[in-house]
Amino acid sequence: MTTRSNKIINLYLLKKMLFKPLCGAAAIILLLNTSVKAQDKTLTLNEAITLGLQNSKTLKLSQSRIDRAVSEYNQAKDRALPTGSASFMYSRAQIPANRLDLGPEQSFSLPKSANANLGIVSAEEVLYGGGRYRYAKQTTDLLVQVARLDADKDKDQIAINVANAYYNLYKVLQSKKVVEQNLKAIDQQIHQSQRFFEQGLVTRNDVLRFQLQRSNVELNGIDLESNRKVINYDLIVLLGLPESTQINIDQVDEAERPIAPLSTYIDSALMTRQEVRQQDLRTKVAETNIKNIQAERLPTIAATTGLYYVNASANPFPNSGKYITPITFGVSAGWNFGTLWTNKNRVAEARIEREETIINKGVITDNIRTEVNQNYQSYVTALNKIKLLQTAIAQATENNRLQASRYANATATATERADAETLLYQAQTNLELARADAGLAYYNLLKATGKLTATTTTTK
């Protein structure tokens, strides 16, 4: 029995000795896994936009469209090159009835069989085609430029999408900071009111009033955390980051940016916006299309050359006296004069398309003016709100200080004290939201003027 008891005790001690190290190792592994799963990443707005542009699938698709347009342009250039072809044919003829009798001394016989080898090599170079190939190259070159402007427009849209998500996350994070600050302040008020209650200076209802205020702030904090998770996920998708990444934002640049007159932004937008430049290119495409259709009415002139190999023997390889090799040079001309009357309506249609591009440019210009004005007014409004809210915070802070002093001296109710705290909390939250709105309005104004990507990618 004693031996068995000793074994049990030794086994127990062994397990106890191993338990702590194993638990420590397990804890370390758990911490490592947690650190791998939750990766905090602090980004500036410019860094976020750069990541978004680097990892955007939309831009990859835009680049594919550019590559396709470049390929079509190269094909148009290839069509202006000389054409050539080569062929070789062998044939054998069996002639069962090989005698022709055409009268006295006018009959002859053909061989029972015959072989033929025929090789042809030819080349052709268009000397004059009415400018069709030149117009084709011009059209495809213009379309390449349109595709590149599409990519630039996609870049601006991606940048503003990232900026929207970034500032929305900033709003939530700043609001959460305000919530945490207010919870600390309310906890102090709860502690003070409980002390006053114990001294008989206030009622139990005063304590409950502060506790209710704290619960309401906590509920707001829960909603903010839920919004943070949603916005954080949307942002990491835009940036191409791992799903476990938690994005942190330092204080955004709050320096008031100088603002120029509205006309300056409108003029800049009309000069740099991709949509305006695209319409100018499409107008040129339509004009080139008119010239191309008119060129189809003109004749074409081409230089041709050909080499023939004719061998009447069964052996395809040349034997002296068994083959001939004519070489030809020439100039060919062709004119489909039916296009003089069949292309008339096509030219009319092409001119209508050109007029549509000009009218459409006017529509786009009006829309750009409206967009710039809206973003300009939003930015000015946001700046004015910041100034007013800064004044409101100073007033709310002073009111909160007075109510705190009055409550400490039992000359103010718990409701008045809580209301003063709530007003300060609301003013602080509104100021952070206004700052974010001002920053986002500024970037929307940059996008409206067509300078968003250029500004954000060059700013360090």
Protein backbone atom coordinates (compact mmCIF):
# COMPACT_ATOMS: atom_id res chain seq x y z
CA MET A 1 0.00 0.00 0.00
CA THR A 2 2.81 2.38 0.93
CA THR A 3 4.55 1.82 -2.40
CA ARG A 4 1.32 2.42 -4.30
CA SER A 5 0.67 5.59 -2.30
CA ASN A 6 4.17 6.83 -3.08
CA LYS A 7 3.60 6.23 -6.80
CA ILE A 8 0.34 8.17 -6.67
CA ILE A 9 2.01 11.04 -4.83
CA ASN A 10 4.93 11.09 -7.26
CA LEU A 11 2.55 11.09 -10.23
CA TYR A 12 0.60 13.96 -8.69
CA LEU A 13 3.78 15.97 -8.12
CA LEU A 14 4.93 15.28 -11.68
CA LYS A 15 1.64 16.51 -13.11
CA LYS A 16 1.80 19.58 -10.90
CA MET A 17 5.36 20.32 -12.01
CA LEU A 18 4.43 20.01 -15.68
CA PHE A 19 1.11 21.85 -15.43
CA LYS A 20 2.51 25.36 -14.89
CA PRO A 21 5.08 25.25 -17.72
CA LEU A 22 2.49 23.86 -20.10
CA CYS A 23 0.01 26.53 -19.09
CA GLY A 24 2.70 29.18 -19.58
CA ALA A 25 3.55 27.82 -23.03
CA ALA A 26 -0.12 27.68 -23.96
CA ALA A 27 -0.56 31.26 -22.83
CA ILE A 28 2.41 32.39 -24.93
CA ILE A 29 1.06 30.57 -28.00
CA LEU A 30 -2.37 32.12 -27.43
CA LEU A 31 -0.86 35.60 -27.21
CA LEU A 32 1.16 35.02 -30.37
CA ASN A 33 -1.92 33.80 -32.23
CA THR A 34 -3.89 36.80 -31.00
CA SER A 35 -1.17 39.18 -32.15
CA VAL A 36 -1.18 37.50 -35.56
CA LYS A 37 -4.94 37.57 -35.84
CA ALA A 38 -5.37 41.19 -34.77
CA GLN A 39 -2.93 43.46 -36.58
CA ASP A 40 -3.10 47.14 -35.72
CA LYS A 41 -2.08 49.49 -38.52
CA THR A 42 -1.88 53.26 -38.25
CA LEU A 43 -2.29 55.09 -41.55
CA THR A 44 -2.34 58.65 -42.77
CA LEU A 45 -4.92 59.55 -45.40
CA ASN A 46 -2.29 59.78 -48.15
CA GLU A 47 -0.92 56.36 -47.20
CA ALA A 48 -4.44 54.92 -47.30
CA ILE A 49 -5.11 56.40 -50.74
CA THR A 50 -1.77 55.08 -52.04
CA LEU A 51 -2.63 51.58 -50.78
CA GLY A 52 -6.08 51.80 -52.33
CA LEU A 53 -4.65 52.74 -55.71
CA GLN A 54 -1.99 50.01 -55.57
CA ASN A 55 -4.42 47.21 -54.71
CA SER A 56 -7.50 48.30 -56.63
CA LYS A 57 -9.01 45.66 -58.89
CA THR A 58 -10.87 48.44 -60.71
CA LEU A 59 -7.59 50.02 -61.77
CA LYS A 60 -6.28 46.67 -62.93
CA LEU A 61 -9.37 46.39 -65.13
CA SER A 62 -8.79 49.96 -66.37
CA GLN A 63 -5.21 49.04 -67.29
CA SER A 64 -6.54 46.05 -69.21
CA ARG A 65 -8.79 48.41 -71.20
CA ILE A 66 -5.80 50.64 -71.95
CA ASP A 67 -3.78 47.63 -73.11
CA ARG A 68 -6.63 46.58 -75.39
CA ALA A 69 -6.87 50.08 -76.88
CA VAL A 70 -3.10 50.12 -77.47
CA SER A 71 -3.37 46.73 -79.15
CA GLU A 72 -6.09 48.05 -81.47
CA TYR A 73 -3.89 51.03 -82.30
CA ASN A 74 -1.00 48.71 -83.18
CA GLN A 75 -3.35 46.66 -85.36
CA ALA A 76 -4.37 49.82 -87.20
CA LYS A 77 -0.68 50.56 -87.89
CA ASP A 78 -0.17 46.98 -89.07
CA ARG A 79 -2.95 47.38 -91.65
CA ALA A 80 -0.85 50.04 -93.38
CA LEU A 81 2.04 47.61 -93.93
CA PRO A 82 2.55 45.72 -97.21
CA THR A 83 0.66 42.44 -97.55
CA GLY A 84 2.15 39.25 -98.93
CA SER A 85 1.17 35.65 -99.52
CA ALA A 86 2.71 32.42 -100.73
CA SER A 87 1.12 29.22 -101.99
CA PHE A 88 2.16 25.95 -103.66
CA MET A 89 -0.07 23.42 -105.39
CA TYR A 90 0.61 20.02 -106.96
CA SER A 91 -2.00 18.36 -109.21
CA ARG A 92 -2.07 15.24 -111.40
CA ALA A 93 -4.51 14.67 -114.25
CA GLN A 94 -5.47 11.26 -115.70
CA ILE A 95 -6.78 11.47 -119.31
CA PRO A 96 -8.50 8.18 -120.35
CA ALA A 97 -9.84 9.66 -123.62
CA ASN A 98 -6.81 11.44 -124.86
CA ARG A 99 -7.30 11.60 -128.66
CA LEU A 100 -9.08 14.36 -130.55
CA ASP A 101 -10.00 13.74 -134.20
CA LEU A 102 -10.85 16.99 -135.94
CA GLY A 103 -10.67 15.79 -139.52
CA PRO A 104 -8.02 14.64 -141.96
CA GLU A 105 -4.60 15.49 -140.65
CA GLN A 106 -6.17 17.45 -137.86
CA SER A 107 -6.11 14.99 -135.03
CA PHE A 108 -3.76 14.83 -132.08
CA SER A 109 -3.32 12.84 -128.95
CA LEU A 110 -2.71 13.96 -125.38
CA PRO A 111 -0.67 11.99 -122.85
CA LYS A 112 -2.51 9.50 -120.64
CA SER A 113 -1.55 11.58 -117.56
CA ALA A 114 -0.05 14.95 -116.68
CA ASN A 115 1.53 16.54 -113.61
CA ALA A 116 1.61 20.18 -112.59
CA ASN A 117 3.41 22.05 -109.78
CA LEU A 118 2.38 25.67 -109.30
CA GLY A 119 3.96 28.02 -106.75
CA ILE A 120 3.00 31.68 -106.28
CA VAL A 121 4.57 34.39 -104.11
CA SER A 122 2.94 37.83 -104.22
CA ALA A 123 3.18 41.16 -102.37
CA GLU A 124 1.10 44.34 -102.47
CA GLU A 125 1.69 47.84 -101.13
CA VAL A 126 -1.09 50.43 -101.16
CA LEU A 127 0.31 53.64 -102.61
CA TYR A 128 -2.83 55.70 -102.16
CA GLY A 129 -6.01 54.78 -100.28
CA GLY A 130 -7.62 58.15 -99.73
CA GLY A 131 -6.09 58.46 -96.26
CA ARG A 132 -8.13 55.58 -94.77
CA TYR A 133 -5.22 53.97 -92.95
CA ARG A 134 -4.05 57.29 -91.59
CA TYR A 135 -7.53 58.07 -90.25
CA ALA A 136 -7.78 54.60 -88.73
CA LYS A 137 -4.53 55.18 -86.82
CA GLN A 138 -5.70 58.60 -85.66
CA THR A 139 -8.99 57.18 -84.39
CA THR A 140 -7.41 54.36 -82.42
CA ASP A 141 -4.78 56.72 -81.00
CA LEU A 142 -7.55 59.02 -79.75
CA LEU A 143 -9.35 56.04 -78.22
CA VAL A 144 -6.16 55.09 -76.35
CA GLN A 145 -6.13 58.58 -74.85
CA VAL A 146 -9.80 58.23 -73.87
CA ALA A 147 -9.03 54.91 -72.14
CA ARG A 148 -6.17 56.50 -70.19
CA LEU A 149 -8.46 59.32 -69.04
CA ASP A 150 -10.97 56.68 -67.94
CA ALA A 151 -8.23 55.18 -65.77
CA ASP A 152 -7.44 58.60 -64.29
CA LYS A 153 -11.12 59.09 -63.54
CA ASP A 154 -11.23 55.69 -61.82
CA LYS A 155 -8.22 56.71 -59.73
CA ASP A 156 -10.02 59.81 -58.51
CA GLN A 157 -13.13 57.80 -57.66
CA ILE A 158 -11.11 55.21 -55.74
CA ALA A 159 -9.27 57.97 -53.88
CA ILE A 160 -12.50 59.68 -52.81
CA ASN A 161 -14.00 56.33 -51.76
CA VAL A 162 -10.97 55.72 -49.54
CA ALA A 163 -11.19 59.28 -48.18
CA ASN A 164 -14.89 58.78 -47.36
CA ALA A 165 -14.22 55.55 -45.48
CA TYR A 166 -11.15 57.06 -43.79
CA TYR A 167 -13.01 60.11 -42.49
CA ASN A 168 -16.00 58.02 -41.45
CA LEU A 169 -13.65 55.86 -39.39
CA TYR A 170 -12.05 59.00 -37.98
CA LYS A 171 -15.50 60.27 -36.93
CA VAL A 172 -16.25 57.04 -35.10
CA LEU A 173 -12.86 56.85 -33.39
CA GLN A 174 -13.00 60.48 -32.27
CA SER A 175 -16.56 60.01 -31.02
CA LYS A 176 -15.41 56.95 -29.07
CA LYS A 177 -12.69 59.07 -27.44
CA VAL A 178 -15.29 61.65 -26.45
CA VAL A 179 -17.47 58.85 -25.04
CA GLU A 180 -14.57 57.54 -22.95
CA GLN A 181 -13.80 61.02 -21.64
CA ASN A 182 -17.43 61.60 -20.71
CA LEU A 183 -17.73 58.23 -19.00
CA LYS A 184 -14.80 59.19 -16.78
CA ALA A 185 -16.42 62.54 -16.00
CA ILE A 186 -19.79 60.91 -15.28
CA ASP A 187 -18.13 58.35 -13.03
CA GLN A 188 -16.75 61.22 -10.99
CA GLN A 189 -20.22 62.74 -10.81
CA ILE A 190 -21.70 59.41 -9.71
CA HIS A 191 -19.04 59.07 -7.03
CA GLN A 192 -19.69 62.63 -5.84
CA SER A 193 -23.48 62.21 -5.84
CA GLN A 194 -23.20 58.96 -3.87
CA ARG A 195 -21.05 60.74 -1.31
CA PHE A 196 -23.61 63.57 -1.11
CA PHE A 197 -26.40 60.97 -0.78
CA GLU A 198 -24.60 59.34 2.12
CA GLN A 199 -24.32 62.78 3.73
CA GLY A 200 -28.02 63.41 3.13
CA LEU A 201 -27.41 66.34 0.80
CA VAL A 202 -29.13 64.80 -2.26
CA THR A 203 -31.78 62.18 -2.89
CA ARG A 204 -31.40 58.71 -4.34
CA ASN A 205 -33.05 60.00 -7.52
CA ASP A 206 -30.06 62.33 -8.11
CA VAL A 207 -27.72 59.34 -8.05
CA LEU A 208 -29.98 57.43 -10.44
CA ARG A 209 -30.04 60.44 -12.78
CA PHE A 210 -26.26 60.29 -13.24
CA GLN A 211 -26.34 56.50 -13.57
CA LEU A 212 -29.01 56.80 -16.28
CA GLN A 213 -26.86 59.37 -18.07
CA ARG A 214 -23.94 56.92 -17.95
CA SER A 215 -26.08 54.11 -19.40
CA ASN A 216 -27.13 56.33 -22.29
CA VAL A 217 -23.51 57.22 -23.05
CA GLU A 218 -22.54 53.54 -22.86
CA LEU A 219 -25.31 52.67 -25.35
CA ASN A 220 -23.90 55.29 -27.70
CA GLY A 221 -20.48 53.69 -27.27
CA ILE A 222 -21.87 50.26 -28.24
CA ASP A 223 -23.37 51.71 -31.44
CA LEU A 224 -20.09 53.45 -32.23
CA GLU A 225 -18.11 50.23 -31.81
CA SER A 226 -20.49 48.41 -34.16
CA ASN A 227 -20.11 51.19 -36.74
CA ARG A 228 -16.33 51.11 -36.30
CA LYS A 229 -16.20 47.41 -37.16
CA VAL A 230 -18.33 47.90 -40.28
CA ILE A 231 -16.33 50.90 -41.53
CA ASN A 232 -13.00 49.25 -40.64
CA TYR A 233 -13.93 46.19 -42.71
CA ASP A 234 -15.04 48.32 -45.67
CA LEU A 235 -11.78 50.24 -45.52
CA ILE A 236 -9.50 47.19 -45.39
CA VAL A 237 -11.34 45.79 -48.42
CA LEU A 238 -10.68 49.05 -50.29
CA LEU A 239 -7.01 48.97 -49.26
CA GLY A 240 -6.47 45.25 -49.93
CA LEU A 241 -5.35 44.54 -46.34
CA PRO A 242 -5.87 41.30 -44.37
CA GLU A 243 -9.30 40.94 -42.79
CA SER A 244 -7.81 40.87 -39.28
CA THR A 245 -6.31 44.38 -39.65
CA GLN A 246 -7.51 47.01 -37.20
CA ILE A 247 -6.88 50.46 -38.68
CA ASN A 248 -5.94 53.30 -36.37
CA ILE A 249 -5.96 56.94 -37.35
CA ASP A 250 -3.82 59.62 -35.83
CA GLN A 251 -5.18 63.12 -35.58
CA VAL A 252 -5.97 64.27 -39.10
CA ASP A 253 -4.56 67.50 -40.45
CA GLU A 254 -6.84 70.15 -39.01
CA ALA A 255 -4.94 73.16 -40.28
CA GLU A 256 -7.37 75.48 -42.03
CA ARG A 257 -6.50 75.40 -45.67
CA PRO A 258 -6.61 78.66 -47.64
CA ILE A 259 -9.68 78.84 -49.83
CA ALA A 260 -9.75 80.65 -53.17
CA PRO A 261 -12.78 82.23 -54.86
CA LEU A 262 -15.36 79.86 -56.39
CA SER A 263 -14.48 80.95 -59.95
CA THR A 264 -10.90 79.73 -59.46
CA TYR A 265 -12.08 76.18 -58.71
CA ILE A 266 -14.57 76.19 -61.60
CA ASP A 267 -11.92 77.35 -64.09
CA SER A 268 -9.52 74.70 -62.80
CA ALA A 269 -12.16 71.98 -63.12
CA LEU A 270 -13.04 72.92 -66.70
CA MET A 271 -9.35 72.72 -67.63
CA THR A 272 -8.41 69.48 -65.85
CA ARG A 273 -11.51 67.29 -65.43
CA GLN A 274 -11.18 64.04 -67.36
CA GLU A 275 -14.78 64.18 -68.60
CA VAL A 276 -14.21 67.48 -70.45
CA ARG A 277 -10.97 66.26 -72.00
CA GLN A 278 -12.66 63.01 -73.01
CA GLN A 279 -15.42 64.88 -74.81
CA ASP A 280 -12.83 66.89 -76.73
CA LEU A 281 -11.20 63.62 -77.79
CA ARG A 282 -14.54 62.07 -78.76
CA THR A 283 -15.28 65.13 -80.89
CA LYS A 284 -11.96 64.56 -82.68
CA VAL A 285 -12.86 60.88 -83.12
CA ALA A 286 -16.17 61.89 -84.71
CA GLU A 287 -14.42 64.35 -87.05
CA THR A 288 -11.88 61.69 -88.05
CA ASN A 289 -14.75 59.27 -88.70
CA ILE A 290 -16.30 61.79 -91.11
CA LYS A 291 -13.00 62.03 -93.00
CA ASN A 292 -12.68 58.26 -93.07
CA ILE A 293 -16.15 57.78 -94.58
CA GLN A 294 -15.43 60.47 -97.18
CA ALA A 295 -12.10 58.75 -98.01
CA GLU A 296 -14.00 55.59 -98.93
CA ARG A 297 -15.35 57.45 -101.98
CA LEU A 298 -11.84 57.83 -103.43
CA PRO A 299 -10.01 55.28 -105.59
CA THR A 300 -7.13 53.17 -104.33
CA ILE A 301 -3.80 52.61 -106.05
CA ALA A 302 -1.48 49.75 -105.12
CA ALA A 303 1.86 48.40 -106.36
CA THR A 304 1.96 44.61 -106.84
CA THR A 305 4.63 42.06 -107.56
CA GLY A 306 4.44 38.31 -108.07
CA LEU A 307 6.74 35.32 -108.58
CA TYR A 308 5.39 32.15 -110.22
CA TYR A 309 6.91 28.70 -110.36
CA VAL A 310 5.38 26.36 -112.99
CA ASN A 311 6.68 22.80 -113.25
CA ALA A 312 4.98 20.25 -115.50
CA SER A 313 6.88 17.24 -114.10
CA ALA A 314 6.01 15.02 -111.17
CA ASN A 315 9.13 16.10 -109.36
CA PRO A 316 8.34 19.36 -107.49
CA PHE A 317 11.99 20.35 -107.32
CA PRO A 318 13.40 22.34 -110.23
CA ASN A 319 15.12 20.41 -113.03
CA SER A 320 16.72 22.23 -115.92
CA GLY A 321 14.26 22.74 -118.73
CA LYS A 322 11.29 21.39 -116.74
CA TYR A 323 9.94 24.62 -115.19
CA ILE A 324 9.41 28.30 -115.83
CA THR A 325 9.47 31.21 -113.31
CA PRO A 326 7.61 34.29 -114.54
CA ILE A 327 8.08 37.41 -112.39
CA THR A 328 5.46 40.17 -112.62
CA PHE A 329 5.38 43.81 -111.56
CA GLY A 330 2.40 46.06 -111.82
CA VAL A 331 0.20 48.81 -110.51
CA SER A 332 -3.45 48.21 -109.76
CA ALA A 333 -6.19 50.79 -109.37
CA GLY A 334 -9.66 50.32 -108.01
CA TRP A 335 -12.64 52.58 -107.43
CA ASN A 336 -15.93 51.63 -105.90
CA PHE A 337 -17.76 54.63 -107.33
CA GLY A 338 -21.05 53.41 -105.85
CA THR A 339 -19.92 54.96 -102.57
CA LEU A 340 -20.49 58.38 -104.15
CA TRP A 341 -24.19 57.98 -103.45
CA THR A 342 -24.30 55.15 -100.87
CA ASN A 343 -22.07 56.96 -98.32
CA LYS A 344 -24.06 60.18 -98.36
CA ASN A 345 -26.25 59.25 -95.39
CA ARG A 346 -23.35 57.73 -93.50
CA VAL A 347 -21.55 61.08 -93.64
CA ALA A 348 -24.72 62.79 -92.40
CA GLU A 349 -24.94 60.35 -89.47
CA ALA A 350 -21.27 60.92 -88.58
CA ARG A 351 -21.84 64.69 -88.54
CA ILE A 352 -24.79 64.23 -86.20
CA GLU A 353 -22.57 62.18 -83.87
CA ARG A 354 -20.03 64.99 -83.88
CA GLU A 355 -22.72 67.53 -82.95
CA GLU A 356 -23.89 65.24 -80.14
CA THR A 357 -20.40 65.18 -78.64
CA ILE A 358 -20.27 68.98 -78.70
CA ILE A 359 -23.71 69.26 -77.05
CA ASN A 360 -22.78 66.59 -74.51
CA LYS A 361 -19.68 68.58 -73.57
CA GLY A 362 -21.95 71.50 -72.72
CA VAL A 363 -24.08 69.24 -70.50
CA ILE A 364 -20.99 67.86 -68.75
CA THR A 365 -19.62 71.39 -68.26
CA ASP A 366 -22.84 72.50 -66.57
CA ASN A 367 -22.80 69.45 -64.31
CA ILE A 368 -19.19 70.12 -63.34
CA ARG A 369 -20.01 73.74 -62.46
CA THR A 370 -22.84 72.54 -60.24
CA GLU A 371 -20.69 69.86 -58.60
CA VAL A 372 -17.85 72.29 -57.86
CA ASN A 373 -20.25 74.84 -56.40
CA GLN A 374 -21.90 72.24 -54.15
CA ASN A 375 -18.57 70.99 -52.80
CA TYR A 376 -17.26 74.52 -52.40
CA GLN A 377 -20.30 75.57 -50.38
CA SER A 378 -20.09 72.39 -48.29
CA TYR A 379 -16.47 73.14 -47.45
CA VAL A 380 -17.20 76.77 -46.53
CA THR A 381 -20.16 75.64 -44.40
CA ALA A 382 -18.01 73.06 -42.61
CA LEU A 383 -15.37 75.69 -41.80
CA ASN A 384 -18.03 78.04 -40.43
CA LYS A 385 -19.47 75.21 -38.32
CA ILE A 386 -16.05 74.53 -36.81
CA LYS A 387 -15.71 78.18 -35.73
CA LEU A 388 -19.20 78.18 -34.20
CA LEU A 389 -18.68 74.85 -32.45
CA GLN A 390 -15.38 76.00 -30.98
CA THR A 391 -17.29 78.91 -29.47
CA ALA A 392 -20.04 76.53 -28.36
CA ILE A 393 -17.52 74.26 -26.61
CA ALA A 394 -16.06 77.24 -24.75
CA GLN A 395 -19.57 78.19 -23.65
CA ALA A 396 -20.52 74.61 -22.75
CA THR A 397 -17.28 74.18 -20.79
CA GLU A 398 -17.95 77.32 -18.79
CA ASN A 399 -21.58 76.31 -18.22
CA ASN A 400 -20.45 72.85 -17.09
CA ARG A 401 -17.95 74.41 -14.66
CA LEU A 402 -20.62 76.70 -13.19
CA GLN A 403 -23.15 73.87 -12.83
CA ALA A 404 -20.50 71.67 -11.22
CA SER A 405 -19.77 74.46 -8.71
CA ARG A 406 -23.46 75.06 -8.07
CA TYR A 407 -24.11 71.34 -7.63
CA ALA A 408 -21.20 71.08 -5.20
CA ASN A 409 -22.75 73.93 -3.23
CA ALA A 410 -26.23 72.31 -3.44
CA THR A 411 -27.67 75.19 -5.47
CA ALA A 412 -28.23 73.17 -8.65
CA THR A 413 -30.19 69.98 -9.23
CA ALA A 414 -28.78 66.73 -10.56
CA THR A 415 -30.79 67.29 -13.73
CA GLU A 416 -29.13 70.67 -14.32
CA ARG A 417 -25.73 69.14 -13.61
CA ALA A 418 -26.32 66.21 -15.98
CA ASP A 419 -27.74 68.48 -18.68
CA ALA A 420 -24.62 70.66 -18.56
CA GLU A 421 -22.44 67.57 -18.90
CA THR A 422 -24.57 66.34 -21.82
CA LEU A 423 -24.35 69.70 -23.61
CA LEU A 424 -20.56 69.66 -23.33
CA TYR A 425 -20.42 66.07 -24.53
CA GLN A 426 -22.63 66.88 -27.51
CA ALA A 427 -20.60 69.97 -28.43
CA GLN A 428 -17.34 68.01 -28.27
CA THR A 429 -18.79 65.27 -30.48
CA ASN A 430 -20.20 67.78 -32.97
CA LEU A 431 -16.83 69.51 -33.24
CA GLU A 432 -15.05 66.26 -34.13
CA LEU A 433 -17.72 65.45 -36.70
CA ALA A 434 -17.47 68.95 -38.18
CA ARG A 435 -13.70 68.64 -38.50
CA ALA A 436 -14.08 65.36 -40.33
CA ASP A 437 -16.80 66.83 -42.54
CA ALA A 438 -14.52 69.76 -43.38
CA GLY A 439 -11.66 67.44 -44.31
CA LEU A 440 -13.91 65.29 -46.48
CA ALA A 441 -15.50 68.37 -48.09
CA TYR A 442 -12.02 69.60 -49.00
CA TYR A 443 -11.14 66.33 -50.71
CA ASN A 444 -14.48 66.30 -52.51
CA LEU A 445 -13.64 69.81 -53.74
CA LEU A 446 -10.28 68.52 -54.99
CA LYS A 447 -12.03 65.68 -56.81
CA ALA A 448 -14.50 68.12 -58.37
CA THR A 449 -11.59 70.14 -59.75
CA GLY A 450 -9.85 67.00 -61.06
CA LYS A 451 -6.80 67.35 -58.81
CA LEU A 452 -7.48 64.81 -56.05
CA THR A 453 -5.08 62.05 -57.09
CA ALA A 454 -2.33 64.46 -58.11
CA THR A 455 -2.53 66.23 -54.72
CA THR A 456 -2.75 63.17 -52.48
CA THR A 457 -0.06 61.13 -54.24
CA THR A 458 2.51 63.95 -54.25
CA THR A 459 1.91 65.17 -50.69
CA LYS A 460 4.32 63.63 -48.23
